[in-house]
Amino acid sequence: MKLVIIGVSGYAKVFIEAMFLNKENEKFEVAGFIYPRSRKSPIPSQLIENNIPQYDSLEEFYKIDSADLVIISSPINLHLEQTVTALRNGSNVLCEKPIAATIQDAREMERVSLETGKFVAVGFQWSFCEPILSLKKDILDGMYGKAISAKTVVEWPRTVRYYNRASWAGKIMDDYGNWVLDSVANNATAHFLHNMLFLLGDSMDQAAYPETITADTYRANDIENYDTFAGKIKTKNGVDLLFLASHAVKENLNPVFEFTFEKGKVTFDFSKDSILYGHKEDGTIKNYGNPFDNEMRKIFTCIKAVRNEETIPCPIDAAVPQLMVINAVTEEIPITQFTKDVVITGEIEGETLLYVKDMNNILDTCYALEKLPSEMGYSWAKAQPTVNVANYSKFVSAKNWKK
């Protein structure tokens, strides 16, 4: 079996390390890596030491070779083109999240996947891990009864350097007119927004679709898009979701979430013991383990799926609801600039950090009370209208934004 990876820096390095560690002892060959020779990022040592061929593009690779699986870890705006190229050249695809910049791009990728008979897996790693999949099966089997609500909060500081690391970072559109929509909710914390929707899907490979969204989006950093997201989502199957995430915070808080069901609760607090627990109404507690363990299981699930030994738990359709939230919010809800009096210039590990005064406590309070900042009366917060997205199928433009 032949694998090809696109990218060498950022998250691609994590993929490369996992491929060469090969903890599951799968049999495969890394047939090449795609990274333009004109670019300057260092090539990972594993690729050099194993004499893995370098190619400027997938098209160049396919002129002389083939691959069973292409792993795409490139900027969001390249996902559509690279996925379609891989599919039409007979390869299956593992595409890193988010699946694409727009819902119509994702649907085009899905169409070509069906046309070619090759799968596209989306790299939301929690959707491939045993703890989440085991929990999802129990939810579908009715162990906890009907879902009522779910909430998640993530507070991850990101420095100015984070937004300067790439030309597309924090951008709504790249320099060539392509949608990127890079944001706190569509990149670093996208996993946790997706996870709520994924766990509430009607089958093991589906996610719940949103029906309405009420969201606040805010910006402290000098970027095009937002670095703070607070949203309430009502799913089509009637579950109320709250998602809170910010990079404009002083202190780090790893994901905390809670699901409420008619017959119990599910909780996760990474800052305590990183274990996912199910609390049943009879008082018993089920330990599902740590969903952060074996995050690269997605690679080996895809390898097995090429051999028809496993199914893909997160295909394109399961990834679309998260993208649908991002697209609808970007199109319908304007970004609010934090007022200067609450933005503080600080430092973290020797790097400049812009954060909002008391934002950690604010998000913690919003999580506890299940409210948005705009519902709490903060001076900088602005309430936005509820958006009906039940039939949303095409992203057109960003609200009140011009290139």
Protein backbone atom coordinates (compact mmCIF):
# COMPACT_ATOMS: atom_id res chain seq x y z
CA MET A 1 0.00 0.00 0.00
CA LYS A 2 1.30 3.41 -1.01
CA LEU A 3 0.78 6.64 0.94
CA VAL A 4 1.52 10.22 -0.05
CA ILE A 5 1.45 13.22 2.28
CA ILE A 6 0.89 16.84 1.31
CA GLY A 7 2.77 19.27 3.52
CA VAL A 8 5.86 19.17 5.76
CA SER A 9 5.28 21.86 8.40
CA GLY A 10 2.73 22.50 11.12
CA TYR A 11 0.36 19.61 11.65
CA ALA A 12 1.88 17.73 8.70
CA LYS A 13 4.92 17.05 10.92
CA VAL A 14 2.65 15.25 13.39
CA PHE A 15 1.30 13.08 10.59
CA ILE A 16 4.82 12.31 9.36
CA GLU A 17 6.04 11.34 12.82
CA ALA A 18 3.07 9.02 13.32
CA MET A 19 3.51 7.41 9.92
CA PHE A 20 7.14 6.51 10.57
CA LEU A 21 6.55 5.43 14.17
CA ASN A 22 3.81 3.15 12.79
CA LYS A 23 2.64 2.04 16.22
CA GLU A 24 0.05 -0.28 14.70
CA ASN A 25 2.66 -2.09 12.57
CA GLU A 26 0.74 -1.63 9.34
CA LYS A 27 2.39 -2.49 6.06
CA PHE A 28 2.67 0.53 3.80
CA GLU A 29 5.14 2.54 1.78
CA VAL A 30 5.46 6.32 1.85
CA ALA A 31 5.70 6.87 -1.89
CA GLY A 32 6.36 10.60 -1.75
CA PHE A 33 5.61 13.94 -0.19
CA ILE A 34 4.22 17.05 -1.81
CA TYR A 35 5.91 20.32 -0.99
CA PRO A 36 7.04 22.90 -3.58
CA ARG A 37 10.83 22.96 -3.84
CA SER A 38 10.70 26.74 -3.95
CA ARG A 39 9.31 26.88 -0.40
CA LYS A 40 11.61 27.21 2.60
CA SER A 41 10.20 25.14 5.47
CA PRO A 42 12.63 22.50 6.80
CA ILE A 43 12.03 18.99 5.52
CA PRO A 44 11.38 16.55 8.40
CA SER A 45 14.31 14.22 9.04
CA GLN A 46 12.18 11.10 8.57
CA LEU A 47 11.58 12.01 4.94
CA ILE A 48 15.25 12.75 4.30
CA GLU A 49 16.62 9.69 6.09
CA ASN A 50 14.23 7.37 4.27
CA ASN A 51 14.91 8.96 0.85
CA ILE A 52 11.27 9.80 0.29
CA PRO A 53 10.83 11.56 -3.09
CA GLN A 54 9.70 15.17 -3.09
CA TYR A 55 7.22 16.59 -5.60
CA ASP A 56 6.07 20.12 -6.30
CA SER A 57 2.47 19.01 -6.78
CA LEU A 58 0.17 16.00 -6.82
CA GLU A 59 0.01 16.30 -10.58
CA GLU A 60 3.78 15.85 -10.78
CA PHE A 61 3.59 12.81 -8.51
CA TYR A 62 0.84 11.13 -10.55
CA LYS A 63 2.85 11.45 -13.75
CA ILE A 64 5.24 8.78 -12.46
CA ASP A 65 3.53 7.01 -9.57
CA SER A 66 0.23 6.16 -7.84
CA ALA A 67 -1.07 6.08 -4.28
CA ASP A 68 -3.75 4.23 -2.36
CA LEU A 69 -4.12 7.01 0.21
CA VAL A 70 -3.29 10.71 0.09
CA ILE A 71 -3.01 12.57 3.39
CA ILE A 72 -3.77 16.26 2.96
CA SER A 73 -2.36 18.63 5.56
CA SER A 74 -2.33 21.92 3.70
CA PRO A 75 -4.06 25.31 4.00
CA ILE A 76 -7.86 25.18 3.96
CA ASN A 77 -8.17 26.90 0.60
CA LEU A 78 -6.26 24.05 -1.12
CA HIS A 79 -8.38 21.17 0.18
CA LEU A 80 -10.91 21.11 -2.66
CA GLU A 81 -8.40 21.11 -5.51
CA GLN A 82 -6.06 18.60 -3.91
CA THR A 83 -8.82 16.22 -2.83
CA VAL A 84 -10.42 16.19 -6.27
CA THR A 85 -7.04 15.61 -7.92
CA ALA A 86 -6.33 12.68 -5.62
CA LEU A 87 -9.76 11.10 -6.12
CA ARG A 88 -9.62 11.39 -9.89
CA ASN A 89 -6.23 9.72 -9.90
CA GLY A 90 -7.55 6.70 -8.02
CA SER A 91 -6.51 7.59 -4.46
CA ASN A 92 -8.52 7.62 -1.27
CA VAL A 93 -8.10 10.72 0.91
CA LEU A 94 -7.58 11.63 4.54
CA CYS A 95 -8.08 15.40 4.59
CA GLU A 96 -7.21 17.36 7.71
CA LYS A 97 -9.99 19.47 9.24
CA PRO A 98 -11.88 21.52 8.34
CA ILE A 99 -12.94 19.70 5.19
CA ALA A 100 -13.05 22.91 3.11
CA ALA A 101 -13.63 26.64 3.32
CA THR A 102 -17.22 26.51 2.09
CA ILE A 103 -20.09 24.06 2.20
CA GLN A 104 -20.34 24.02 -1.61
CA ASP A 105 -16.67 23.00 -1.84
CA ALA A 106 -17.32 20.16 0.59
CA ARG A 107 -20.30 18.97 -1.42
CA GLU A 108 -18.24 19.04 -4.61
CA MET A 109 -15.60 16.87 -2.92
CA GLU A 110 -18.37 14.53 -1.81
CA ARG A 111 -19.77 14.36 -5.34
CA VAL A 112 -16.39 13.41 -6.82
CA SER A 113 -15.87 10.85 -4.05
CA LEU A 114 -19.13 9.13 -4.99
CA GLU A 115 -18.29 9.42 -8.69
CA THR A 116 -14.88 7.78 -8.29
CA GLY A 117 -15.80 5.27 -5.59
CA LYS A 118 -12.95 6.47 -3.36
CA PHE A 119 -13.48 7.63 0.20
CA VAL A 120 -12.69 10.97 1.80
CA ALA A 121 -12.12 10.87 5.55
CA VAL A 122 -11.99 14.14 7.49
CA GLY A 123 -9.30 14.34 10.16
CA PHE A 124 -11.29 15.30 13.24
CA GLN A 125 -9.24 12.89 15.34
CA TRP A 126 -11.70 12.51 18.21
CA SER A 127 -14.16 11.03 15.70
CA PHE A 128 -11.71 8.18 15.12
CA CYS A 129 -10.75 7.50 18.75
CA GLU A 130 -12.11 4.62 20.83
CA PRO A 131 -13.44 6.69 23.77
CA ILE A 132 -15.62 8.90 21.56
CA LEU A 133 -16.79 6.06 19.31
CA SER A 134 -17.62 3.88 22.32
CA LEU A 135 -19.58 6.74 23.90
CA LYS A 136 -21.40 7.42 20.65
CA LYS A 137 -22.48 3.80 20.39
CA ASP A 138 -23.85 3.93 23.93
CA ILE A 139 -25.74 7.14 23.12
CA LEU A 140 -27.24 5.56 20.01
CA ASP A 141 -28.11 2.43 22.00
CA GLY A 142 -30.11 4.59 24.42
CA MET A 143 -27.93 4.13 27.50
CA TYR A 144 -28.41 7.77 28.52
CA GLY A 145 -31.79 8.40 26.95
CA LYS A 146 -32.69 11.33 24.74
CA ALA A 147 -30.14 14.15 24.45
CA ILE A 148 -31.28 17.48 25.90
CA SER A 149 -28.26 19.79 25.75
CA ALA A 150 -24.48 19.98 25.46
CA LYS A 151 -21.89 22.65 26.18
CA THR A 152 -18.16 23.06 25.58
CA VAL A 153 -15.60 25.69 26.53
CA VAL A 154 -11.99 25.97 25.30
CA GLU A 155 -9.60 28.77 26.27
CA TRP A 156 -6.35 28.55 24.35
CA PRO A 157 -4.04 31.62 24.28
CA ARG A 158 -2.46 32.28 20.89
CA THR A 159 0.30 34.83 20.45
CA VAL A 160 0.87 37.39 17.73
CA ARG A 161 3.40 34.99 16.22
CA TYR A 162 0.64 32.40 15.80
CA TYR A 163 -1.16 34.77 13.48
CA ASN A 164 2.05 35.65 11.64
CA ARG A 165 3.08 32.04 11.04
CA ALA A 166 1.35 31.77 7.66
CA SER A 167 -0.10 34.11 5.05
CA TRP A 168 -3.59 32.62 5.56
CA ALA A 169 -3.66 32.65 9.38
CA GLY A 170 -6.64 34.57 10.73
CA LYS A 171 -7.74 35.40 7.19
CA ILE A 172 -11.22 35.38 5.72
CA MET A 173 -9.86 35.36 2.18
CA ASP A 174 -6.35 34.71 0.91
CA ASP A 175 -4.33 37.03 -1.33
CA TYR A 176 -5.67 35.29 -4.45
CA GLY A 177 -9.36 35.71 -3.69
CA ASN A 178 -9.99 32.26 -2.22
CA TRP A 179 -12.11 31.83 0.91
CA VAL A 180 -10.14 30.61 3.92
CA LEU A 181 -12.31 31.48 6.95
CA ASP A 182 -9.53 30.67 9.39
CA SER A 183 -10.71 31.33 12.94
CA VAL A 184 -10.64 30.00 16.48
CA ALA A 185 -13.78 27.96 15.73
CA ASN A 186 -12.61 26.73 12.34
CA ASN A 187 -9.07 25.69 13.19
CA ALA A 188 -7.59 25.02 16.63
CA THR A 189 -10.87 24.43 18.47
CA ALA A 190 -12.90 23.20 15.49
CA HIS A 191 -12.51 19.66 16.86
CA PHE A 192 -14.64 20.45 19.88
CA LEU A 193 -17.44 22.19 18.01
CA HIS A 194 -17.52 19.25 15.64
CA ASN A 195 -17.42 16.77 18.53
CA MET A 196 -20.73 17.98 19.97
CA LEU A 197 -22.42 17.64 16.60
CA PHE A 198 -20.74 14.30 15.87
CA LEU A 199 -21.75 12.65 19.14
CA LEU A 200 -25.37 13.63 18.53
CA GLY A 201 -25.56 12.21 15.01
CA ASP A 202 -28.23 9.65 14.12
CA SER A 203 -25.69 6.97 13.19
CA MET A 204 -22.02 6.16 13.82
CA ASP A 205 -20.91 8.04 10.70
CA GLN A 206 -23.28 11.01 10.90
CA ALA A 207 -23.37 14.28 12.83
CA ALA A 208 -26.34 16.37 13.93
CA TYR A 209 -27.18 19.26 11.63
CA PRO A 210 -27.86 22.75 13.00
CA GLU A 211 -31.27 24.36 12.61
CA THR A 212 -30.71 27.77 14.23
CA ILE A 213 -27.62 29.65 15.41
CA THR A 214 -27.21 32.63 17.72
CA ALA A 215 -23.58 33.72 17.98
CA ASP A 216 -21.24 36.49 19.09
CA THR A 217 -17.90 36.80 17.30
CA TYR A 218 -15.16 39.09 18.58
CA ARG A 219 -11.66 40.18 17.65
CA ALA A 220 -8.76 41.42 19.80
CA ASN A 221 -5.88 40.60 17.44
CA ASP A 222 -5.02 42.50 14.26
CA ILE A 223 -6.57 39.88 11.98
CA GLU A 224 -9.41 39.71 9.45
CA ASN A 225 -11.46 37.09 11.26
CA TYR A 226 -12.51 36.56 14.87
CA ASP A 227 -10.40 35.13 17.69
CA THR A 228 -13.31 34.65 20.12
CA PHE A 229 -16.52 32.72 19.44
CA ALA A 230 -19.62 32.26 21.57
CA GLY A 231 -22.57 30.49 20.03
CA LYS A 232 -25.83 28.76 20.81
CA ILE A 233 -26.96 26.15 18.31
CA LYS A 234 -30.26 24.31 18.12
CA THR A 235 -29.86 21.06 16.20
CA LYS A 236 -32.45 19.59 13.88
CA ASN A 237 -32.97 16.79 16.38
CA GLY A 238 -33.85 19.33 19.06
CA VAL A 239 -30.69 19.55 21.18
CA ASP A 240 -29.43 22.87 22.56
CA LEU A 241 -25.67 23.40 22.19
CA LEU A 242 -23.38 26.06 23.65
CA PHE A 243 -19.87 26.52 22.27
CA LEU A 244 -17.38 28.98 23.78
CA ALA A 245 -13.83 29.38 22.49
CA SER A 246 -11.18 32.09 22.56
CA HIS A 247 -7.53 32.71 21.74
CA ALA A 248 -7.70 36.17 23.38
CA VAL A 249 -7.23 34.78 26.89
CA LYS A 250 -4.39 35.00 29.40
CA GLU A 251 -4.65 31.52 30.91
CA ASN A 252 -4.90 28.16 29.18
CA LEU A 253 -8.01 26.02 29.73
CA ASN A 254 -8.12 22.77 27.83
CA PRO A 255 -11.53 21.56 26.64
CA VAL A 256 -14.29 21.03 29.17
CA PHE A 257 -17.65 19.70 28.08
CA GLU A 258 -20.89 18.32 29.44
CA PHE A 259 -23.79 16.55 27.75
CA THR A 260 -27.15 16.31 29.49
CA PHE A 261 -29.51 13.46 28.68
CA GLU A 262 -32.85 12.34 30.09
CA LYS A 263 -31.15 9.45 31.89
CA GLY A 264 -27.72 10.79 32.73
CA LYS A 265 -24.80 13.02 31.86
CA VAL A 266 -21.48 12.80 30.06
CA THR A 267 -18.57 14.93 31.29
CA PHE A 268 -15.00 15.70 30.28
CA ASP A 269 -12.55 18.07 31.96
CA PHE A 270 -9.04 17.82 30.58
CA SER A 271 -7.65 20.03 33.34
CA LYS A 272 -8.68 17.47 35.98
CA ASP A 273 -7.93 13.95 34.76
CA SER A 274 -8.52 13.98 30.98
CA ILE A 275 -11.02 11.12 31.28
CA LEU A 276 -14.39 10.98 29.52
CA TYR A 277 -17.09 9.82 31.94
CA GLY A 278 -20.65 8.67 31.50
CA HIS A 279 -22.87 9.18 34.55
CA LYS A 280 -25.95 6.95 34.41
CA GLU A 281 -29.16 7.69 36.28
CA ASP A 282 -28.66 4.69 38.57
CA GLY A 283 -25.50 6.32 39.92
CA THR A 284 -22.98 4.17 38.06
CA ILE A 285 -20.12 5.84 36.19
CA LYS A 286 -18.55 4.53 32.99
CA ASN A 287 -14.92 5.44 32.24
CA TYR A 288 -14.43 5.78 28.49
CA GLY A 289 -10.77 6.82 28.68
CA ASN A 290 -8.89 9.81 27.30
CA PRO A 291 -9.97 10.95 23.81
CA PHE A 292 -6.57 12.61 23.36
CA ASP A 293 -4.84 9.21 23.45
CA ASN A 294 -3.76 7.84 20.07
CA GLU A 295 -4.81 10.92 18.10
CA MET A 296 -3.23 9.54 14.95
CA ARG A 297 -5.50 6.51 14.92
CA LYS A 298 -7.19 8.22 11.98
CA ILE A 299 -4.25 7.33 9.72
CA PHE A 300 -4.45 3.65 10.51
CA THR A 301 -8.25 3.59 10.31
CA CYS A 302 -7.90 4.91 6.76
CA ILE A 303 -5.23 2.35 5.89
CA LYS A 304 -7.56 -0.40 7.08
CA ALA A 305 -10.47 1.18 5.21
CA VAL A 306 -8.50 1.02 1.95
CA ARG A 307 -8.38 -2.75 2.54
CA ASN A 308 -12.10 -2.76 3.43
CA GLU A 309 -11.29 -3.82 6.99
CA GLU A 310 -12.84 -0.75 8.64
CA THR A 311 -15.37 1.94 7.81
CA ILE A 312 -14.75 5.68 7.96
CA PRO A 313 -16.48 7.21 11.01
CA CYS A 314 -16.05 10.78 9.81
CA PRO A 315 -16.80 11.10 6.08
CA ILE A 316 -17.54 14.43 4.45
CA ASP A 317 -21.20 14.52 5.43
CA ALA A 318 -20.29 14.13 9.11
CA ALA A 319 -17.93 17.11 8.84
CA VAL A 320 -20.35 19.41 7.02
CA PRO A 321 -22.41 20.49 10.09
CA GLN A 322 -19.37 22.13 11.71
CA LEU A 323 -18.59 23.88 8.42
CA MET A 324 -22.24 24.88 8.10
CA VAL A 325 -22.03 26.68 11.46
CA ILE A 326 -18.86 28.49 10.40
CA ASN A 327 -20.23 29.49 7.01
CA ALA A 328 -23.57 30.70 8.33
CA VAL A 329 -22.03 32.71 11.17
CA THR A 330 -19.46 34.28 8.82
CA GLU A 331 -22.12 35.19 6.28
CA GLU A 332 -24.78 36.50 8.66
CA ILE A 333 -23.05 37.82 11.79
CA PRO A 334 -20.61 40.75 11.81
CA ILE A 335 -17.42 40.63 13.88
CA THR A 336 -17.32 42.92 16.91
CA GLN A 337 -13.99 44.54 17.73
CA PHE A 338 -13.17 44.41 21.43
CA THR A 339 -12.97 47.94 22.81
CA LYS A 340 -9.44 49.18 23.49
CA ASP A 341 -10.03 49.52 27.22
CA VAL A 342 -10.39 45.74 27.67
CA VAL A 343 -7.56 44.55 25.40
CA ILE A 344 -4.25 44.00 27.18
CA THR A 345 -0.82 43.49 25.61
CA GLY A 346 0.99 40.84 27.60
CA GLU A 347 3.52 38.09 27.18
CA ILE A 348 3.51 34.33 27.26
CA GLU A 349 6.73 32.29 27.02
CA GLY A 350 8.56 35.34 25.70
CA GLU A 351 6.01 36.10 22.96
CA THR A 352 3.54 38.95 22.64
CA LEU A 353 -0.03 38.01 23.54
CA LEU A 354 -3.14 40.15 23.12
CA TYR A 355 -5.86 39.13 25.53
CA VAL A 356 -9.08 40.51 26.90
CA LYS A 357 -9.31 41.50 30.54
CA ASP A 358 -11.02 38.77 32.62
CA MET A 359 -11.90 36.77 29.49
CA ASN A 360 -11.06 33.47 31.21
CA ASN A 361 -13.50 34.24 34.00
CA ILE A 362 -16.08 35.58 31.58
CA LEU A 363 -16.11 32.40 29.53
CA ASP A 364 -16.13 30.25 32.65
CA THR A 365 -19.18 32.17 33.88
CA CYS A 366 -20.91 31.92 30.51
CA TYR A 367 -20.28 28.17 30.55
CA ALA A 368 -21.66 27.75 34.07
CA LEU A 369 -24.77 29.86 33.37
CA GLU A 370 -25.15 28.63 29.77
CA LYS A 371 -25.26 32.15 28.37
CA LEU A 372 -23.49 34.19 25.69
CA PRO A 373 -21.43 37.27 26.62
CA SER A 374 -24.10 39.40 24.94
CA GLU A 375 -26.66 37.97 27.37
CA MET A 376 -24.47 38.90 30.35
CA GLY A 377 -24.40 42.67 29.79
CA TYR A 378 -20.66 43.17 29.25
CA SER A 379 -19.90 46.63 27.88
CA TRP A 380 -18.15 45.35 24.76
CA ALA A 381 -20.67 42.61 23.96
CA LYS A 382 -23.21 42.96 21.17
CA ALA A 383 -26.26 40.76 20.74
CA GLN A 384 -26.89 39.34 17.27
CA PRO A 385 -30.07 37.96 15.68
CA THR A 386 -30.77 34.24 15.54
CA VAL A 387 -30.05 32.78 12.11
CA ASN A 388 -32.16 29.98 10.65
CA VAL A 389 -29.81 27.60 8.84
CA ALA A 390 -32.06 24.57 8.33
CA ASN A 391 -31.77 24.85 4.54
CA TYR A 392 -28.37 26.55 4.34
CA SER A 393 -26.38 25.10 1.44
CA LYS A 394 -24.13 27.77 -0.05
CA PHE A 395 -21.70 30.29 1.39
CA VAL A 396 -21.82 33.57 -0.56
CA SER A 397 -19.91 36.26 1.33
CA ALA A 398 -18.71 37.44 4.72
CA LYS A 399 -20.94 39.86 6.66
CA ASN A 400 -19.86 43.51 6.43
CA TRP A 401 -16.43 42.56 5.09
CA LYS A 402 -14.62 43.65 1.94
CA LYS A 403 -11.25 42.51 0.58
